[in-house]
Protein backbone atom coordinates (compact mmCIF):
# COMPACT_ATOMS: atom_id res chain seq x y z
CA MET A 1 270.54 26.16 75.38
CA ILE A 2 271.30 29.50 73.84
CA ALA A 3 274.53 29.68 75.82
CA ALA A 4 275.54 26.20 74.62
CA GLN A 5 274.86 27.17 71.00
CA ARG A 6 276.91 30.32 71.52
CA ALA A 7 279.78 28.21 72.92
CA VAL A 8 279.70 26.01 69.82
CA ASP A 9 279.76 29.09 67.58
CA LEU A 10 282.65 30.66 69.47
CA SER A 11 284.72 27.48 69.50
CA THR A 12 284.10 27.04 65.77
CA GLU A 13 285.16 30.62 65.05
CA ARG A 14 288.31 30.19 67.14
CA TYR A 15 289.13 26.96 65.30
CA ASP A 16 288.57 28.62 61.92
CA ARG A 17 291.03 31.38 62.90
CA GLY A 18 293.58 28.83 64.09
CA LEU A 19 293.45 29.91 67.73
CA THR A 20 292.47 26.51 69.16
CA ASP A 21 292.33 22.85 68.21
CA PHE A 22 289.33 20.92 66.94
CA LEU A 23 288.91 19.10 70.24
CA ASN A 24 287.38 22.23 71.75
CA VAL A 25 284.79 22.35 68.95
CA VAL A 26 283.90 18.68 69.43
CA ASP A 27 283.63 19.14 73.19
CA ALA A 28 281.34 22.18 72.82
CA GLU A 29 279.13 20.27 70.36
CA ARG A 30 278.98 17.26 72.72
CA GLN A 31 277.84 19.47 75.58
CA PHE A 32 275.25 21.12 73.33
CA TYR A 33 273.83 17.76 72.21
CA ASP A 34 273.73 16.53 75.81
CA LEU A 35 271.67 19.60 76.75
CA GLN A 36 269.31 18.99 73.83
CA GLU A 37 268.84 15.38 74.92
CA GLN A 38 268.12 16.44 78.51
CA TYR A 39 265.61 19.01 77.27
CA ALA A 40 263.78 16.43 75.15
CA ALA A 41 263.69 13.98 78.07
CA ALA A 42 262.30 16.72 80.33
CA GLN A 43 259.53 17.46 77.81
CA VAL A 44 258.57 13.78 77.64
CA ALA A 45 258.54 13.54 81.43
CA GLN A 46 256.39 16.66 81.66
CA GLY A 47 253.84 15.21 79.27
CA GLU A 48 253.71 11.90 81.10
CA GLN A 49 253.31 13.66 84.45
CA PHE A 50 250.48 15.79 83.05
CA VAL A 51 248.63 12.67 81.95
CA GLN A 52 249.14 11.06 85.38
CA LEU A 53 247.88 14.22 87.10
CA TYR A 54 244.84 14.36 84.84
CA LYS A 55 244.04 10.71 85.55
CA GLY A 56 244.68 11.17 89.27
CA LEU A 57 242.20 14.03 89.44
CA GLY A 58 239.54 11.80 87.94
CA GLY A 59 239.76 12.89 84.35
CA GLY A 60 238.67 10.33 81.84
CA TRP A 61 241.24 9.26 79.33
CA GLN A 62 239.26 7.55 76.59
CA ASN A 63 240.95 5.17 74.24
CA TYR A 64 239.74 5.99 70.77
CA GLN A 65 242.04 3.47 69.15
CA ASN A 66 239.47 0.66 69.18
CA VAL A 67 238.73 0.01 65.54
CA PRO A 68 235.58 -1.92 64.64
CA ALA A 69 236.02 -5.31 63.05
CA ILE A 70 236.36 -5.24 59.29
CA ARG A 71 234.11 -7.58 57.35
CA ARG A 72 235.95 -9.93 55.08
CA PRO A 73 235.15 -9.29 51.41
CA GLN A 74 233.24 -11.99 49.59
CA PRO A 75 233.94 -13.16 46.08
CA ALA A 76 231.68 -11.39 43.60
CA VAL A 77 229.86 -14.58 42.63
CA VAL A 78 228.99 -15.43 46.25
CA ALA A 79 227.88 -11.86 46.94
CA ALA A 80 225.65 -11.87 43.84
CA PHE A 81 223.99 -15.14 44.83
CA ARG A 82 223.39 -13.95 48.38
CA ARG A 83 221.88 -10.74 47.08
CA VAL A 84 219.56 -12.68 44.77
CA LEU A 85 218.55 -15.14 47.48
CA SER A 86 217.86 -12.39 50.02
CA GLY A 87 215.52 -10.67 47.57
CA SER A 88 217.34 -7.37 47.65
CA ALA A 89 218.44 -7.66 44.06
CA SER A 90 216.82 -5.03 41.91
CA PRO A 91 216.51 -5.35 38.15
CA PRO A 92 218.91 -3.21 36.16
CA SER A 93 217.46 0.18 35.36
CA ARG A 94 217.24 1.43 31.79
């Protein structure tokens, strides 16, 4: 990747000095971006293969994304009546 970045820099410098046309700069940048894309794809593949290896060796892969059910809120009047009827209502403190 360093070599591709260097090629982009050199082609840009040559274009700035008028020694070459802009097509060389665009071509060097295209090659650089292709290398970056391949590098990112290789990193993703490496991560996926690591997970598969870990699972294949018997490692547990817990799913911690299970969220408990959320209780629906009750209107204040209904909640107050239920609290009074259940006997958990305490008198206001002074």
